Amino acid sequence: MEKYQEIERTIIKTYRAHLWAPFIKALKEFQLLKKDDKVCVCISGGKDSILLAKLFQELKRHSDFEFEVKYLVMNPGYNAKNLKKIKDNLSLLHIDATIIDTDIFEIANAQIKNPCYLCAKMRRGALYNLAKQLGCNKIALGHHFDDVIETTLMNMLNSGSFQTMLPKLHSENFEGMELIRPMYFIRERDIVRWVNYNELSFINCACKFTENIDHEKDLTGSKRADTKKLIKELLKYNPLVEKNIFKAAFNVNMDKILGYKHQNEYINFLDHYDKTESK
């Protein structure tokens, strides 16, 4: 058995309960995949997106209905070391991915204000465009459970809003295109365990602003990294805090909130307050 086959086996055997099962659960519970879908699996080169690609390879082998998968690496301008690492991992893991070169990093880094925002916006637009060119109707991203709860908490603490990272959503600018997150129920710690078990290594943040930072040691200056730390502290208060943040987005009591937005319309609790009393 070759190395890549041994790694694949760990997904459906050794880590079946922590990787394969929650992957399948998300697909079914949120109806993320349908017959004849053509999915573009976007690979950034990090551990999450590479695992997502391997999960889809397994799914393709075992699915009881037909669908197509394209594996895409949108190169925003990685340095030679990071690009080589990505190519080496694709080769090692037998992932036949298309690599498309762009100059997104160069354009974004030339901006004095909000280069990270511009970079993220340009990367999203490029991904949708490239997926459309490949004939895909869905884009799969490697966001996991921890990304979801961190996003929820970040919005509450930094934006004063309650909104989370949805398991799927329709594109506003690309008709017929849908974004899906099949790793919605997978914990990051289990991804790390899988990576370590198989002695794999992947790139971290490849941005030219931060490529000289050791991200394992320096977690400052990032709202998401700070939120990770905060959640760890909150676990001392309540060991169920992670699950409860996640569950909160499923258990919104509309009768107990001050206001909410629906289809760009804001509804205040006072709008229905007297009507509720009369009932």
Protein backbone atom coordinates (compact mmCIF):
# COMPACT_ATOMS: atom_id res chain seq x y z
CA MET A 1 0.00 0.00 0.00
CA GLU A 2 1.41 3.39 -1.00
CA LYS A 3 1.71 6.35 1.38
CA TYR A 4 -1.30 8.22 -0.03
CA GLN A 5 -3.45 5.08 0.30
CA GLU A 6 -2.44 4.67 3.93
CA ILE A 7 -3.41 8.31 4.55
CA GLU A 8 -6.76 7.80 2.85
CA ARG A 9 -7.37 4.75 4.99
CA THR A 10 -6.93 6.79 8.18
CA ILE A 11 -9.80 9.05 7.08
CA ILE A 12 -12.36 6.27 6.80
CA LYS A 13 -10.90 3.97 9.47
CA THR A 14 -8.72 5.54 12.20
CA TYR A 15 -10.51 8.91 12.21
CA ARG A 16 -13.84 7.78 10.80
CA ALA A 17 -15.86 9.06 13.79
CA HIS A 18 -14.12 12.44 13.86
CA LEU A 19 -13.62 13.23 10.16
CA TRP A 20 -15.62 11.04 7.81
CA ALA A 21 -18.82 10.76 9.90
CA PRO A 22 -19.23 14.52 10.56
CA PHE A 23 -18.44 15.23 6.89
CA ILE A 24 -21.25 12.93 5.79
CA LYS A 25 -23.54 14.34 8.49
CA ALA A 26 -23.11 17.90 7.18
CA LEU A 27 -23.71 16.82 3.58
CA LYS A 28 -26.97 15.13 4.54
CA GLU A 29 -28.27 17.50 7.24
CA PHE A 30 -27.74 20.65 5.18
CA GLN A 31 -28.39 19.04 1.76
CA LEU A 32 -25.05 20.28 0.45
CA LEU A 33 -24.70 17.90 -2.49
CA LYS A 34 -27.19 16.73 -5.10
CA LYS A 35 -27.13 14.45 -8.09
CA ASP A 36 -25.24 15.87 -11.09
CA ASP A 37 -23.68 18.72 -9.07
CA LYS A 38 -20.30 19.88 -10.26
CA VAL A 39 -18.25 20.94 -7.25
CA CYS A 40 -15.11 23.05 -7.25
CA VAL A 41 -13.06 22.12 -4.19
CA CYS A 42 -10.87 25.13 -3.42
CA ILE A 43 -7.43 24.28 -2.05
CA SER A 44 -5.44 26.99 -0.30
CA GLY A 45 -2.61 24.68 0.65
CA GLY A 46 -3.44 24.54 4.35
CA LYS A 47 -4.46 21.48 6.33
CA ASP A 48 -8.21 22.16 6.17
CA SER A 49 -8.59 22.48 2.41
CA ILE A 50 -6.30 19.54 1.71
CA LEU A 51 -8.37 17.34 4.02
CA LEU A 52 -11.51 18.58 2.27
CA ALA A 53 -10.06 17.45 -1.05
CA LYS A 54 -9.30 14.00 0.35
CA LEU A 55 -12.80 13.73 1.82
CA PHE A 56 -14.30 14.49 -1.58
CA GLN A 57 -12.06 11.90 -3.22
CA GLU A 58 -13.39 9.30 -0.80
CA LEU A 59 -16.95 10.47 -1.33
CA LYS A 60 -16.55 10.18 -5.09
CA ARG A 61 -15.53 6.55 -4.66
CA HIS A 62 -18.37 5.62 -2.33
CA SER A 63 -21.28 7.87 -3.34
CA ASP A 64 -24.52 6.25 -4.50
CA PHE A 65 -25.23 9.07 -6.98
CA GLU A 66 -23.24 10.80 -9.71
CA PHE A 67 -21.54 14.17 -9.27
CA GLU A 68 -18.37 15.78 -10.54
CA VAL A 69 -15.46 17.28 -8.63
CA LYS A 70 -12.79 19.71 -9.76
CA TYR A 71 -9.84 20.54 -7.51
CA LEU A 72 -8.59 24.11 -7.80
CA VAL A 73 -5.60 25.95 -6.35
CA MET A 74 -5.97 29.67 -6.94
CA ASN A 75 -2.43 30.99 -6.54
CA PRO A 76 -2.71 34.62 -5.37
CA GLY A 77 1.08 35.03 -5.55
CA TYR A 78 2.61 32.54 -3.12
CA ASN A 79 6.36 32.70 -2.73
CA ALA A 80 8.38 29.91 -4.34
CA LYS A 81 8.74 27.97 -1.07
CA ASN A 82 5.02 27.92 -0.30
CA LEU A 83 4.03 27.09 -3.88
CA LYS A 84 6.48 24.19 -3.93
CA LYS A 85 5.08 22.92 -0.63
CA ILE A 86 1.57 22.96 -2.06
CA LYS A 87 2.66 21.13 -5.22
CA ASP A 88 4.59 18.55 -3.20
CA ASN A 89 1.54 17.83 -1.02
CA LEU A 90 -0.73 17.53 -4.05
CA SER A 91 1.69 15.03 -5.53
CA LEU A 92 2.12 13.09 -2.28
CA LEU A 93 -1.63 12.85 -1.70
CA HIS A 94 -2.53 12.17 -5.35
CA ILE A 95 -4.78 15.20 -5.72
CA ASP A 96 -5.10 16.20 -9.36
CA ALA A 97 -5.60 19.94 -8.94
CA THR A 98 -5.55 22.77 -11.44
CA ILE A 99 -3.26 25.62 -10.36
CA ILE A 100 -4.20 29.08 -11.64
CA ASP A 101 -1.71 31.92 -11.11
CA THR A 102 -2.95 35.43 -10.25
CA ASP A 103 -1.34 38.68 -9.03
CA ILE A 104 -3.78 39.27 -6.16
CA PHE A 105 -1.09 39.54 -3.46
CA GLU A 106 0.82 42.09 -5.51
CA ILE A 107 -2.24 44.27 -6.08
CA ALA A 108 -3.51 44.03 -2.49
CA ASN A 109 -0.12 44.64 -0.91
CA ALA A 110 0.27 47.84 -2.93
CA GLN A 111 -2.68 49.31 -1.01
CA ILE A 112 -1.93 51.39 2.06
CA LYS A 113 -5.37 50.99 3.60
CA ASN A 114 -7.18 47.69 4.16
CA PRO A 115 -4.94 45.41 2.07
CA CYS A 116 -6.29 42.32 3.86
CA TYR A 117 -9.91 43.26 3.06
CA LEU A 118 -9.05 43.89 -0.58
CA CYS A 119 -7.09 40.64 -0.80
CA ALA A 120 -9.97 38.60 0.65
CA LYS A 121 -12.48 40.28 -1.67
CA MET A 122 -10.33 39.70 -4.75
CA ARG A 123 -9.69 36.07 -3.82
CA ARG A 124 -13.41 35.39 -3.40
CA GLY A 125 -14.16 36.99 -6.76
CA ALA A 126 -11.38 35.05 -8.46
CA LEU A 127 -12.59 31.76 -6.99
CA TYR A 128 -16.13 32.31 -8.23
CA ASN A 129 -14.90 33.29 -11.68
CA LEU A 130 -12.58 30.31 -11.98
CA ALA A 131 -15.21 27.89 -10.68
CA LYS A 132 -17.65 29.23 -13.25
CA GLN A 133 -15.07 28.76 -16.01
CA LEU A 134 -14.67 25.14 -14.90
CA GLY A 135 -18.43 24.69 -15.31
CA CYS A 136 -19.07 24.21 -11.60
CA ASN A 137 -22.26 25.15 -9.80
CA LYS A 138 -20.88 24.78 -6.27
CA ILE A 139 -17.74 25.91 -4.48
CA ALA A 140 -16.60 23.88 -1.45
CA LEU A 141 -14.50 25.58 1.23
CA GLY A 142 -12.68 24.00 4.17
CA HIS A 143 -14.22 25.96 7.03
CA HIS A 144 -14.78 23.79 10.10
CA PHE A 145 -16.66 23.83 13.43
CA ASP A 146 -14.09 26.05 15.13
CA ASP A 147 -14.25 28.59 12.29
CA VAL A 148 -18.01 28.74 12.78
CA ILE A 149 -17.99 29.45 16.52
CA GLU A 150 -15.10 31.89 16.21
CA THR A 151 -16.97 33.83 13.52
CA THR A 152 -20.12 33.89 15.65
CA LEU A 153 -18.25 35.25 18.66
CA MET A 154 -16.21 37.72 16.59
CA ASN A 155 -19.38 39.23 15.16
CA MET A 156 -20.90 39.63 18.62
CA LEU A 157 -17.81 41.16 20.20
CA ASN A 158 -16.52 43.28 17.31
CA SER A 159 -19.55 44.10 15.16
CA GLY A 160 -22.38 44.10 17.70
CA SER A 161 -24.36 41.62 15.59
CA PHE A 162 -25.42 38.01 15.90
CA GLN A 163 -24.59 36.22 12.68
CA THR A 164 -22.75 33.05 11.95
CA MET A 165 -20.99 31.25 9.10
CA LEU A 166 -23.71 29.38 7.22
CA PRO A 167 -23.17 25.83 5.90
CA LYS A 168 -24.28 26.99 2.46
CA LEU A 169 -25.34 30.17 0.71
CA HIS A 170 -26.22 31.37 -2.76
CA SER A 171 -23.83 33.73 -4.51
CA GLU A 172 -25.19 37.26 -4.86
CA ASN A 173 -23.04 38.07 -7.89
CA PHE A 174 -22.74 34.74 -9.72
CA GLU A 175 -26.14 33.37 -10.68
CA GLY A 176 -26.54 29.66 -10.10
CA MET A 177 -23.42 29.41 -7.96
CA GLU A 178 -23.58 28.13 -4.39
CA LEU A 179 -20.94 28.04 -1.67
CA ILE A 180 -20.90 24.99 0.62
CA ARG A 181 -18.97 24.12 3.80
CA PRO A 182 -18.99 20.31 4.19
CA MET A 183 -16.57 20.34 7.16
CA TYR A 184 -19.08 22.27 9.27
CA PHE A 185 -19.17 19.65 12.05
CA ILE A 186 -15.46 18.74 12.04
CA ARG A 187 -13.35 19.96 14.94
CA GLU A 188 -9.99 21.60 14.20
CA ARG A 189 -8.28 19.53 16.88
CA ASP A 190 -9.25 16.36 15.02
CA ILE A 191 -7.80 17.73 11.79
CA VAL A 192 -4.55 18.44 13.64
CA ARG A 193 -4.53 14.91 15.05
CA TRP A 194 -4.99 13.47 11.55
CA VAL A 195 -2.17 15.65 10.21
CA ASN A 196 0.20 14.65 13.01
CA TYR A 197 -0.73 10.98 12.83
CA ASN A 198 0.21 10.91 9.14
CA GLU A 199 3.29 13.11 9.67
CA LEU A 200 2.08 15.70 7.18
CA SER A 201 2.91 19.40 7.03
CA PHE A 202 1.18 22.25 5.26
CA ILE A 203 1.60 25.98 4.74
CA ASN A 204 0.14 28.37 7.31
CA CYS A 205 -0.85 31.89 6.37
CA ALA A 206 0.91 32.62 3.06
CA CYS A 207 0.22 36.35 2.93
CA LYS A 208 3.31 38.41 2.08
CA PHE A 209 2.50 40.70 5.02
CA THR A 210 2.77 37.82 7.48
CA GLU A 211 4.91 35.15 5.85
CA ASN A 212 7.85 35.98 8.12
CA ILE A 213 5.80 35.46 11.28
CA ASP A 214 5.93 32.15 13.13
CA HIS A 215 2.19 31.61 13.47
CA GLU A 216 2.60 28.81 15.96
CA LYS A 217 4.22 31.27 18.38
CA ASP A 218 2.96 34.70 17.39
CA LEU A 219 -0.81 34.79 17.51
CA THR A 220 -1.14 38.50 18.18
CA GLY A 221 -2.62 41.07 15.86
CA SER A 222 -5.35 38.79 14.58
CA LYS A 223 -8.96 39.02 15.74
CA ARG A 224 -9.51 35.34 14.93
CA ALA A 225 -6.40 34.27 16.84
CA ASP A 226 -7.45 36.42 19.80
CA THR A 227 -10.91 34.85 19.66
CA LYS A 228 -9.36 31.37 19.75
CA LYS A 229 -7.56 32.37 22.94
CA LEU A 230 -10.74 33.80 24.42
CA ILE A 231 -12.67 30.59 23.77
CA LYS A 232 -9.94 28.61 25.51
CA GLU A 233 -10.32 30.88 28.53
CA LEU A 234 -14.10 30.50 28.45
CA LEU A 235 -13.72 26.72 28.59
CA LYS A 236 -12.48 27.19 32.16
CA TYR A 237 -15.83 28.81 32.93
CA ASN A 238 -17.89 26.17 31.14
CA PRO A 239 -16.52 23.06 29.37
CA LEU A 240 -19.55 23.14 27.05
CA VAL A 241 -19.00 26.71 25.86
CA GLU A 242 -17.88 25.69 22.36
CA LYS A 243 -20.93 23.52 21.76
CA ASN A 244 -23.21 26.16 23.24
CA ILE A 245 -21.88 28.92 20.96
CA PHE A 246 -22.48 26.59 18.03
CA LYS A 247 -25.98 25.59 19.21
CA ALA A 248 -26.97 29.21 19.84
CA ALA A 249 -27.30 29.85 16.10
CA PHE A 250 -29.82 26.97 15.92
CA ASN A 251 -31.83 28.19 18.92
CA VAL A 252 -32.58 31.87 18.31
CA ASN A 253 -35.76 32.83 20.19
CA MET A 254 -37.32 35.56 18.07
CA ASP A 255 -39.61 36.55 20.97
CA LYS A 256 -36.63 37.39 23.17
CA ILE A 257 -34.51 39.65 20.98
CA LEU A 258 -34.63 43.42 20.48
CA GLY A 259 -34.46 43.35 16.72
CA TYR A 260 -33.37 41.46 13.63
CA LYS A 261 -32.83 41.85 9.91
CA HIS A 262 -34.68 39.84 7.30
CA GLN A 263 -34.07 40.39 3.57
CA ASN A 264 -32.50 43.80 4.29
CA GLU A 265 -35.51 44.91 6.36
CA TYR A 266 -34.99 45.70 10.04
CA ILE A 267 -37.69 44.51 12.45
CA ASN A 268 -37.78 45.99 15.96
CA PHE A 269 -39.44 44.07 18.81
CA LEU A 270 -41.67 47.12 19.36
CA ASP A 271 -43.19 46.61 15.90
CA HIS A 272 -45.09 43.60 17.25
CA TYR A 273 -45.08 44.31 20.96
CA ASP A 274 -48.71 45.51 21.37
CA LYS A 275 -50.00 42.83 19.01
CA THR A 276 -48.39 40.17 21.18
CA GLU A 277 -50.13 41.56 24.31
CA SER A 278 -53.57 41.53 22.66
CA LYS A 279 -53.16 37.87 21.80
